[in-house]
Amino acid sequence: MTFFRFYSIFIANATIEIGGKRGKSKYSGFSSSSSSSSSSSSDSSEYGGGRGGGRGGGRGGGRGGHHHGGHHGGGGRPRPPSRPVTTPKPTPTCPTGWTLFNRKMGAWCVQLFPGALGQADAENSCRTQGATLSSIENAEERSIVANIGLNQMLPTGWKFGTIRTGLRRDAIGAPWYTTDQFTTGMEGIVWSPREPNNAAYQGVPNNCGQLWLWVPGGKTEGGRVHGTFFAMQCLKSTPDRWRGFLCGKKAT
């Protein structure tokens, strides 16, 4: 009997000591079990929080981070405005047989036609070409037109001639002007010596300006110089030399 009680007390004390180590209590095994359960629950909670936080934080953080990144990207520096596409202007061209001049008002096409026509008839003939009687804007044009004139005149056997142009005055002593509405200034008008004259031809005042063509062996008239202007009447041209008229129109 005494031995049994001693053994029971020994077992109980051992249980209390073991429970005390696990549950940190020196009281009954029930208290130890309760503490152990509580600790286990706390561990589970902590572990569950870790899993939940890990999954929630991982998924939520991933999604949130992705959304934040997108927002940051969209809120970055704005793209510079795109430059408007510019189409280059086409190069001006002239019809076949016409010569291109770059004038101050734009590109201009000229062609020399043979024919002994007065001012009005020459103007009308140019209009059939969609053009007008052309003047000369500068020294380069004057030189080129004079050479074109020689190239047409010499094969015919003539050694002097004239080119009717869009240059005139309204009366003797009045100022000269160009009529093609596309010539700037009077730089291209260079007169022969003693020109413009104030005479009349066959009773008609010399109020139109023509370009003189000449090569050695040709007839000389009043000291006229090849490639320069002289005054002549407007109504008609006699076929006593090579005759031509200069038409001009805007390039396309």
C-alpha atoms as a PDB file:
ATOM      1  CA  MET A   1       0.000   0.000   0.000  1.00  0.00           C
ATOM      2  CA  THR A   2       2.734   2.360   0.994  1.00  0.00           C
ATOM      3  CA  PHE A   3       4.731   1.302  -2.057  1.00  0.00           C
ATOM      4  CA  PHE A   4       1.775   1.913  -4.395  1.00  0.00           C
ATOM      5  CA  ARG A   5       1.244   5.457  -3.121  1.00  0.00           C
ATOM      6  CA  PHE A   6       4.924   6.234  -3.457  1.00  0.00           C
ATOM      7  CA  TYR A   7       4.957   4.922  -7.044  1.00  0.00           C
ATOM      8  CA  SER A   8       1.847   6.928  -7.952  1.00  0.00           C
ATOM      9  CA  ILE A   9       3.377  10.125  -6.579  1.00  0.00           C
ATOM     10  CA  PHE A  10       6.601   9.440  -8.518  1.00  0.00           C
ATOM     11  CA  ILE A  11       4.720   8.966 -11.777  1.00  0.00           C
ATOM     12  CA  ALA A  12       2.656  12.123 -11.192  1.00  0.00           C
ATOM     13  CA  ASN A  13       5.741  14.196 -10.460  1.00  0.00           C
ATOM     14  CA  ALA A  14       7.458  12.892 -13.568  1.00  0.00           C
ATOM     15  CA  THR A  15       4.403  13.814 -15.612  1.00  0.00           C
ATOM     16  CA  ILE A  16       4.319  17.282 -14.098  1.00  0.00           C
ATOM     17  CA  GLU A  17       7.986  17.809 -14.823  1.00  0.00           C
ATOM     18  CA  ILE A  18       7.590  16.660 -18.428  1.00  0.00           C
ATOM     19  CA  GLY A  19       4.506  18.855 -18.839  1.00  0.00           C
ATOM     20  CA  GLY A  20       6.370  21.684 -17.228  1.00  0.00           C
ATOM     21  CA  LYS A  21       9.058  21.479 -19.849  1.00  0.00           C
ATOM     22  CA  ARG A  22       6.514  21.422 -22.697  1.00  0.00           C
ATOM     23  CA  GLY A  23       3.955  23.754 -21.228  1.00  0.00           C
ATOM     24  CA  LYS A  24       6.203  25.821 -19.004  1.00  0.00           C
ATOM     25  CA  SER A  25       3.963  25.079 -16.008  1.00  0.00           C
ATOM     26  CA  LYS A  26       4.499  23.141 -12.762  1.00  0.00           C
ATOM     27  CA  TYR A  27       0.819  22.361 -12.335  1.00  0.00           C
ATOM     28  CA  SER A  28      -1.346  19.479 -13.486  1.00  0.00           C
ATOM     29  CA  GLY A  29      -0.992  17.464 -16.659  1.00  0.00           C
ATOM     30  CA  PHE A  30      -4.287  19.077 -17.770  1.00  0.00           C
ATOM     31  CA  SER A  31      -2.712  22.491 -17.612  1.00  0.00           C
ATOM     32  CA  SER A  32       0.278  21.173 -19.481  1.00  0.00           C
ATOM     33  CA  SER A  33      -1.927  19.671 -22.168  1.00  0.00           C
ATOM     34  CA  SER A  34      -3.852  22.931 -22.480  1.00  0.00           C
ATOM     35  CA  SER A  35      -0.651  24.905 -22.855  1.00  0.00           C
ATOM     36  CA  SER A  36       0.605  22.459 -25.435  1.00  0.00           C
ATOM     37  CA  SER A  37      -2.624  22.753 -27.366  1.00  0.00           C
ATOM     38  CA  SER A  38      -2.458  26.521 -27.166  1.00  0.00           C
ATOM     39  CA  SER A  39       1.128  26.535 -28.368  1.00  0.00           C
ATOM     40  CA  SER A  40       0.259  24.214 -31.196  1.00  0.00           C
ATOM     41  CA  SER A  41      -2.655  26.424 -32.162  1.00  0.00           C
ATOM     42  CA  SER A  42      -0.402  29.449 -32.097  1.00  0.00           C
ATOM     43  CA  ASP A  43       2.130  27.653 -34.275  1.00  0.00           C
ATOM     44  CA  SER A  44      -0.615  26.642 -36.692  1.00  0.00           C
ATOM     45  CA  SER A  45      -1.914  30.187 -36.786  1.00  0.00           C
ATOM     46  CA  GLU A  46       1.504  31.492 -37.447  1.00  0.00           C
ATOM     47  CA  TYR A  47       2.070  28.898 -40.160  1.00  0.00           C
ATOM     48  CA  GLY A  48      -1.350  29.575 -41.636  1.00  0.00           C
ATOM     49  CA  GLY A  49      -0.640  33.270 -41.612  1.00  0.00           C
ATOM     50  CA  GLY A  50       2.600  32.557 -43.389  1.00  0.00           C
ATOM     51  CA  ARG A  51       0.876  30.519 -46.078  1.00  0.00           C
ATOM     52  CA  GLY A  52      -1.986  32.926 -46.389  1.00  0.00           C
ATOM     53  CA  GLY A  53       0.350  35.888 -46.342  1.00  0.00           C
ATOM     54  CA  GLY A  54       2.658  34.140 -48.765  1.00  0.00           C
ATOM     55  CA  ARG A  55      -0.090  33.274 -51.217  1.00  0.00           C
ATOM     56  CA  GLY A  56      -2.039  36.436 -50.678  1.00  0.00           C
ATOM     57  CA  GLY A  57       1.055  38.554 -50.615  1.00  0.00           C
ATOM     58  CA  GLY A  58       2.544  36.682 -53.547  1.00  0.00           C
ATOM     59  CA  ARG A  59      -0.560  36.840 -55.708  1.00  0.00           C
ATOM     60  CA  GLY A  60      -1.760  40.184 -54.468  1.00  0.00           C
ATOM     61  CA  GLY A  61       1.712  41.614 -54.504  1.00  0.00           C
ATOM     62  CA  GLY A  62       2.312  40.221 -57.971  1.00  0.00           C
ATOM     63  CA  ARG A  63      -0.914  41.587 -59.315  1.00  0.00           C
ATOM     64  CA  GLY A  64      -0.562  44.858 -57.480  1.00  0.00           C
ATOM     65  CA  GLY A  65       3.013  45.215 -58.582  1.00  0.00           C
ATOM     66  CA  HIS A  66       2.023  44.524 -62.179  1.00  0.00           C
ATOM     67  CA  HIS A  67      -0.730  47.092 -62.032  1.00  0.00           C
ATOM     68  CA  HIS A  68       1.576  49.617 -60.420  1.00  0.00           C
ATOM     69  CA  GLY A  69       4.189  49.009 -63.084  1.00  0.00           C
ATOM     70  CA  GLY A  70       1.625  49.569 -65.816  1.00  0.00           C
ATOM     71  CA  HIS A  71       0.483  52.752 -64.180  1.00  0.00           C
ATOM     72  CA  HIS A  72       4.050  53.936 -63.834  1.00  0.00           C
ATOM     73  CA  GLY A  73       4.726  53.140 -67.491  1.00  0.00           C
ATOM     74  CA  GLY A  74       1.616  54.982 -68.598  1.00  0.00           C
ATOM     75  CA  GLY A  75       2.512  57.939 -66.446  1.00  0.00           C
ATOM     76  CA  GLY A  76       6.031  58.267 -67.847  1.00  0.00           C
ATOM     77  CA  ARG A  77       7.273  60.899 -70.267  1.00  0.00           C
ATOM     78  CA  PRO A  78       4.800  61.573 -73.102  1.00  0.00           C
ATOM     79  CA  ARG A  79       5.917  60.670 -76.584  1.00  0.00           C
ATOM     80  CA  PRO A  80       6.960  63.657 -78.706  1.00  0.00           C
ATOM     81  CA  PRO A  81       4.379  64.599 -81.349  1.00  0.00           C
ATOM     82  CA  SER A  82       5.046  62.933 -84.676  1.00  0.00           C
ATOM     83  CA  ARG A  83       6.263  65.200 -87.440  1.00  0.00           C
ATOM     84  CA  PRO A  84       3.821  65.767 -90.291  1.00  0.00           C
ATOM     85  CA  VAL A  85       4.707  63.948 -93.478  1.00  0.00           C
ATOM     86  CA  THR A  86       5.768  66.438 -96.120  1.00  0.00           C
ATOM     87  CA  THR A  87       5.481  65.645 -99.779  1.00  0.00           C
ATOM     88  CA  PRO A  88       8.270  67.165-101.855  1.00  0.00           C
ATOM     89  CA  LYS A  89       7.152  69.537-104.555  1.00  0.00           C
ATOM     90  CA  PRO A  90       7.431  68.095-108.043  1.00  0.00           C
ATOM     91  CA  THR A  91      10.197  69.472-110.250  1.00  0.00           C
ATOM     92  CA  PRO A  92       8.757  71.975-112.773  1.00  0.00           C
ATOM     93  CA  THR A  93       8.850  70.740-116.343  1.00  0.00           C
ATOM     94  CA  CYS A  94       8.182  72.132-119.804  1.00  0.00           C
ATOM     95  CA  PRO A  95       6.626  70.434-122.823  1.00  0.00           C
ATOM     96  CA  THR A  96       8.943  68.943-125.424  1.00  0.00           C
ATOM     97  CA  GLY A  97      10.607  71.669-127.479  1.00  0.00           C
ATOM     98  CA  TRP A  98      10.218  74.331-124.791  1.00  0.00           C
ATOM     99  CA  THR A  99      13.087  75.782-122.735  1.00  0.00           C
ATOM    100  CA  LEU A 100      12.815  76.165-118.957  1.00  0.00           C
ATOM    101  CA  PHE A 101      13.825  79.408-117.231  1.00  0.00           C
ATOM    102  CA  ASN A 102      13.788  79.890-113.454  1.00  0.00           C
ATOM    103  CA  ARG A 103      12.342  83.350-112.979  1.00  0.00           C
ATOM    104  CA  LYS A 104      11.722  85.275-109.785  1.00  0.00           C
ATOM    105  CA  MET A 105       8.021  84.528-110.052  1.00  0.00           C
ATOM    106  CA  GLY A 106       8.591  80.835-110.785  1.00  0.00           C
ATOM    107  CA  ALA A 107       9.481  78.431-113.573  1.00  0.00           C
ATOM    108  CA  TRP A 108       8.784  79.721-117.099  1.00  0.00           C
ATOM    109  CA  CYS A 109       8.825  77.887-120.430  1.00  0.00           C
ATOM    110  CA  VAL A 110       9.621  79.541-123.769  1.00  0.00           C
ATOM    111  CA  GLN A 111       9.638  78.435-127.382  1.00  0.00           C
ATOM    112  CA  LEU A 112      10.648  80.333-130.495  1.00  0.00           C
ATOM    113  CA  PHE A 113       8.394  79.978-133.527  1.00  0.00           C
ATOM    114  CA  PRO A 114       9.328  81.161-137.032  1.00  0.00           C
ATOM    115  CA  GLY A 115       6.944  83.564-138.755  1.00  0.00           C
ATOM    116  CA  ALA A 116       6.671  87.161-139.981  1.00  0.00           C
ATOM    117  CA  LEU A 117       3.779  88.230-137.734  1.00  0.00           C
ATOM    118  CA  GLY A 118       2.768  91.555-136.215  1.00  0.00           C
ATOM    119  CA  GLN A 119       2.374  91.934-132.448  1.00  0.00           C
ATOM    120  CA  ALA A 120      -1.336  91.068-132.299  1.00  0.00           C
ATOM    121  CA  ASP A 121      -1.045  88.074-134.651  1.00  0.00           C
ATOM    122  CA  ALA A 122       1.987  86.747-132.770  1.00  0.00           C
ATOM    123  CA  GLU A 123       0.070  87.039-129.494  1.00  0.00           C
ATOM    124  CA  ASN A 124      -2.866  85.118-130.940  1.00  0.00           C
ATOM    125  CA  SER A 125      -0.571  82.412-132.272  1.00  0.00           C
ATOM    126  CA  CYS A 126       1.002  81.988-128.826  1.00  0.00           C
ATOM    127  CA  ARG A 127      -2.432  81.574-127.292  1.00  0.00           C
ATOM    128  CA  THR A 128      -3.064  78.541-129.476  1.00  0.00           C
ATOM    129  CA  GLN A 129      -0.119  77.005-127.598  1.00  0.00           C
ATOM    130  CA  GLY A 130      -1.624  77.911-124.227  1.00  0.00           C
ATOM    131  CA  ALA A 131       0.992  80.668-123.965  1.00  0.00           C
ATOM    132  CA  THR A 132       1.517  84.399-124.412  1.00  0.00           C
ATOM    133  CA  LEU A 133       4.068  86.574-126.214  1.00  0.00           C
ATOM    134  CA  SER A 134       7.069  86.401-123.874  1.00  0.00           C
ATOM    135  CA  SER A 135       9.551  89.014-122.782  1.00  0.00           C
ATOM    136  CA  ILE A 136      13.100  88.544-121.440  1.00  0.00           C
ATOM    137  CA  GLU A 137      13.851  88.742-117.696  1.00  0.00           C
ATOM    138  CA  ASN A 138      17.655  88.699-117.500  1.00  0.00           C
ATOM    139  CA  ALA A 139      20.927  88.472-119.426  1.00  0.00           C
ATOM    140  CA  GLU A 140      21.006  84.675-119.329  1.00  0.00           C
ATOM    141  CA  GLU A 141      17.587  84.414-120.957  1.00  0.00           C
ATOM    142  CA  ARG A 142      18.547  86.960-123.586  1.00  0.00           C
ATOM    143  CA  SER A 143      21.698  85.031-124.506  1.00  0.00           C
ATOM    144  CA  ILE A 144      19.912  81.671-124.680  1.00  0.00           C
ATOM    145  CA  VAL A 145      17.026  83.013-126.766  1.00  0.00           C
ATOM    146  CA  ALA A 146      19.461  84.703-129.172  1.00  0.00           C
ATOM    147  CA  ASN A 147      21.310  81.396-129.636  1.00  0.00           C
ATOM    148  CA  ILE A 148      18.040  79.548-130.222  1.00  0.00           C
ATOM    149  CA  GLY A 149      17.272  82.183-132.856  1.00  0.00           C
ATOM    150  CA  LEU A 150      20.609  81.592-134.614  1.00  0.00           C
ATOM    151  CA  ASN A 151      20.030  77.831-134.594  1.00  0.00           C
ATOM    152  CA  GLN A 152      16.735  78.339-136.426  1.00  0.00           C
ATOM    153  CA  MET A 153      17.880  81.148-138.699  1.00  0.00           C
ATOM    154  CA  LEU A 154      21.215  79.858-140.055  1.00  0.00           C
ATOM    155  CA  PRO A 155      19.872  76.670-141.689  1.00  0.00           C
ATOM    156  CA  THR A 156      17.543  78.914-143.768  1.00  0.00           C
ATOM    157  CA  GLY A 157      20.473  80.861-145.214  1.00  0.00           C
ATOM    158  CA  TRP A 158      19.631  84.159-143.535  1.00  0.00           C
ATOM    159  CA  LYS A 159      22.420  85.978-141.634  1.00  0.00           C
ATOM    160  CA  PHE A 160      20.286  88.557-139.874  1.00  0.00           C
ATOM    161  CA  GLY A 161      16.804  88.584-138.445  1.00  0.00           C
ATOM    162  CA  THR A 162      14.496  89.591-135.601  1.00  0.00           C
ATOM    163  CA  ILE A 163      12.518  88.025-132.764  1.00  0.00           C
ATOM    164  CA  ARG A 164       9.241  89.635-131.730  1.00  0.00           C
ATOM    165  CA  THR A 165       8.747  89.695-127.938  1.00  0.00           C
ATOM    166  CA  GLY A 166       6.303  90.879-125.286  1.00  0.00           C
ATOM    167  CA  LEU A 167       7.939  94.311-124.947  1.00  0.00           C
ATOM    168  CA  ARG A 168       6.194  97.533-125.910  1.00  0.00           C
ATOM    169  CA  ARG A 169       5.228 101.115-125.067  1.00  0.00           C
ATOM    170  CA  ASP A 170       1.933 102.933-125.615  1.00  0.00           C
ATOM    171  CA  ALA A 171       3.369 105.958-127.418  1.00  0.00           C
ATOM    172  CA  ILE A 172       6.622 107.593-128.475  1.00  0.00           C
ATOM    173  CA  GLY A 173       8.388 108.784-125.322  1.00  0.00           C
ATOM    174  CA  ALA A 174       6.221 106.645-123.004  1.00  0.00           C
ATOM    175  CA  PRO A 175       7.855 104.077-120.666  1.00  0.00           C
ATOM    176  CA  TRP A 176       8.484 100.541-121.907  1.00  0.00           C
ATOM    177  CA  TYR A 177       6.854  97.540-120.207  1.00  0.00           C
ATOM    178  CA  THR A 178       6.561  93.776-120.576  1.00  0.00           C
ATOM    179  CA  THR A 179       3.252  92.134-121.432  1.00  0.00           C
ATOM    180  CA  ASP A 180       3.603  88.477-120.356  1.00  0.00           C
ATOM    181  CA  GLN A 181       2.659  89.218-116.696  1.00  0.00           C
ATOM    182  CA  PHE A 182       5.494  86.932-115.551  1.00  0.00           C
ATOM    183  CA  THR A 183       8.611  89.068-116.046  1.00  0.00           C
ATOM    184  CA  THR A 184      10.096  90.892-113.046  1.00  0.00           C
ATOM    185  CA  GLY A 185      11.823  94.186-113.787  1.00  0.00           C
ATOM    186  CA  MET A 186      13.589  95.322-116.960  1.00  0.00           C
ATOM    187  CA  GLU A 187      17.039  93.851-116.298  1.00  0.00           C
ATOM    188  CA  GLY A 188      16.840  91.650-119.383  1.00  0.00           C
ATOM    189  CA  ILE A 189      16.225  94.592-121.728  1.00  0.00           C
ATOM    190  CA  VAL A 190      19.507  95.798-123.224  1.00  0.00           C
ATOM    191  CA  TRP A 191      19.240  98.172-126.180  1.00  0.00           C
ATOM    192  CA  SER A 192      21.510  98.450-129.196  1.00  0.00           C
ATOM    193  CA  PRO A 193      23.340 101.769-129.685  1.00  0.00           C
ATOM    194  CA  ARG A 194      20.958 104.682-130.447  1.00  0.00           C
ATOM    195  CA  GLU A 195      17.981 102.565-129.357  1.00  0.00           C
ATOM    196  CA  PRO A 196      15.154 102.740-128.609  1.00  0.00           C
ATOM    197  CA  ASN A 197      14.590 105.067-131.526  1.00  0.00           C
ATOM    198  CA  ASN A 198      11.586 107.374-131.742  1.00  0.00           C
ATOM    199  CA  ALA A 199      11.075 106.974-135.471  1.00  0.00           C
ATOM    200  CA  ALA A 200       8.257 105.401-137.464  1.00  0.00           C
ATOM    201  CA  TYR A 201       8.302 102.669-140.084  1.00  0.00           C
ATOM    202  CA  GLN A 202       5.976 103.186-143.015  1.00  0.00           C
ATOM    203  CA  GLY A 203       4.183 105.853-141.030  1.00  0.00           C
ATOM    204  CA  VAL A 204       3.661 103.633-137.963  1.00  0.00           C
ATOM    205  CA  PRO A 205       5.490 104.574-134.702  1.00  0.00           C
ATOM    206  CA  ASN A 206       8.131 102.107-133.506  1.00  0.00           C
ATOM    207  CA  ASN A 207       6.506 101.141-130.226  1.00  0.00           C
ATOM    208  CA  CYS A 208       7.404  97.415-129.964  1.00  0.00           C
ATOM    209  CA  GLY A 209      10.744  95.970-128.877  1.00  0.00           C
ATOM    210  CA  GLN A 210      12.374  93.198-130.947  1.00  0.00           C
ATOM    211  CA  LEU A 211      15.567  91.178-130.436  1.00  0.00           C
ATOM    212  CA  TRP A 212      18.197  91.526-133.166  1.00  0.00           C
ATOM    213  CA  LEU A 213      19.958  88.474-134.657  1.00  0.00           C
ATOM    214  CA  TRP A 214      23.105  88.813-136.695  1.00  0.00           C
ATOM    215  CA  VAL A 215      26.190  86.884-137.829  1.00  0.00           C
ATOM    216  CA  PRO A 216      29.143  88.133-139.912  1.00  0.00           C
ATOM    217  CA  GLY A 217      28.071  88.661-143.487  1.00  0.00           C
ATOM    218  CA  GLY A 218      24.622  89.794-142.493  1.00  0.00           C
ATOM    219  CA  LYS A 219      23.126  93.193-143.231  1.00  0.00           C
ATOM    220  CA  THR A 220      23.941  95.885-140.686  1.00  0.00           C
ATOM    221  CA  GLU A 221      21.233  98.320-139.714  1.00  0.00           C
ATOM    222  CA  GLY A 222      21.966 101.394-137.615  1.00  0.00           C
ATOM    223  CA  GLY A 223      24.728  99.767-135.585  1.00  0.00           C
ATOM    224  CA  ARG A 224      22.463  97.103-134.097  1.00  0.00           C
ATOM    225  CA  VAL A 225      24.237  94.452-132.022  1.00  0.00           C
ATOM    226  CA  HIS A 226      23.379  90.754-131.988  1.00  0.00           C
ATOM    227  CA  GLY A 227      21.334  89.739-128.957  1.00  0.00           C
ATOM    228  CA  THR A 228      20.140  93.272-128.074  1.00  0.00           C
ATOM    229  CA  PHE A 229      16.832  95.111-128.505  1.00  0.00           C
ATOM    230  CA  PHE A 230      15.697  97.760-130.951  1.00  0.00           C
ATOM    231  CA  ALA A 231      12.378  99.560-131.471  1.00  0.00           C
ATOM    232  CA  MET A 232      10.172  98.617-134.420  1.00  0.00           C
ATOM    233  CA  GLN A 233       6.523  99.122-135.322  1.00  0.00           C
ATOM    234  CA  CYS A 234       3.960  96.702-133.914  1.00  0.00           C
ATOM    235  CA  LEU A 235       1.457  96.158-136.726  1.00  0.00           C
ATOM    236  CA  LYS A 236       3.371  93.908-139.090  1.00  0.00           C
ATOM    237  CA  SER A 237       6.685  92.302-140.033  1.00  0.00           C
ATOM    238  CA  THR A 238       7.909  92.184-143.606  1.00  0.00           C
ATOM    239  CA  PRO A 239       9.577  89.004-144.891  1.00  0.00           C
ATOM    240  CA  ASP A 240      12.780  90.786-145.869  1.00  0.00           C
ATOM    241  CA  ARG A 241      14.823  88.851-143.255  1.00  0.00           C
ATOM    242  CA  TRP A 242      14.385  85.893-140.922  1.00  0.00           C
ATOM    243  CA  ARG A 243      11.479  86.509-138.554  1.00  0.00           C
ATOM    244  CA  GLY A 244      10.317  84.759-135.403  1.00  0.00           C
ATOM    245  CA  PHE A 245       8.285  85.357-132.248  1.00  0.00           C
ATOM    246  CA  LEU A 246       8.825  84.152-128.696  1.00  0.00           C
ATOM    247  CA  CYS A 247       6.008  82.447-126.760  1.00  0.00           C
ATOM    248  CA  GLY A 248       6.062  81.747-123.039  1.00  0.00           C
ATOM    249  CA  LYS A 249       3.956  80.005-120.377  1.00  0.00           C
ATOM    250  CA  LYS A 250       4.237  78.730-116.815  1.00  0.00           C
ATOM    251  CA  ALA A 251       5.950  75.410-116.250  1.00  0.00           C
ATOM    252  CA  THR A 252       3.875  72.533-114.866  1.00  0.00           C
END
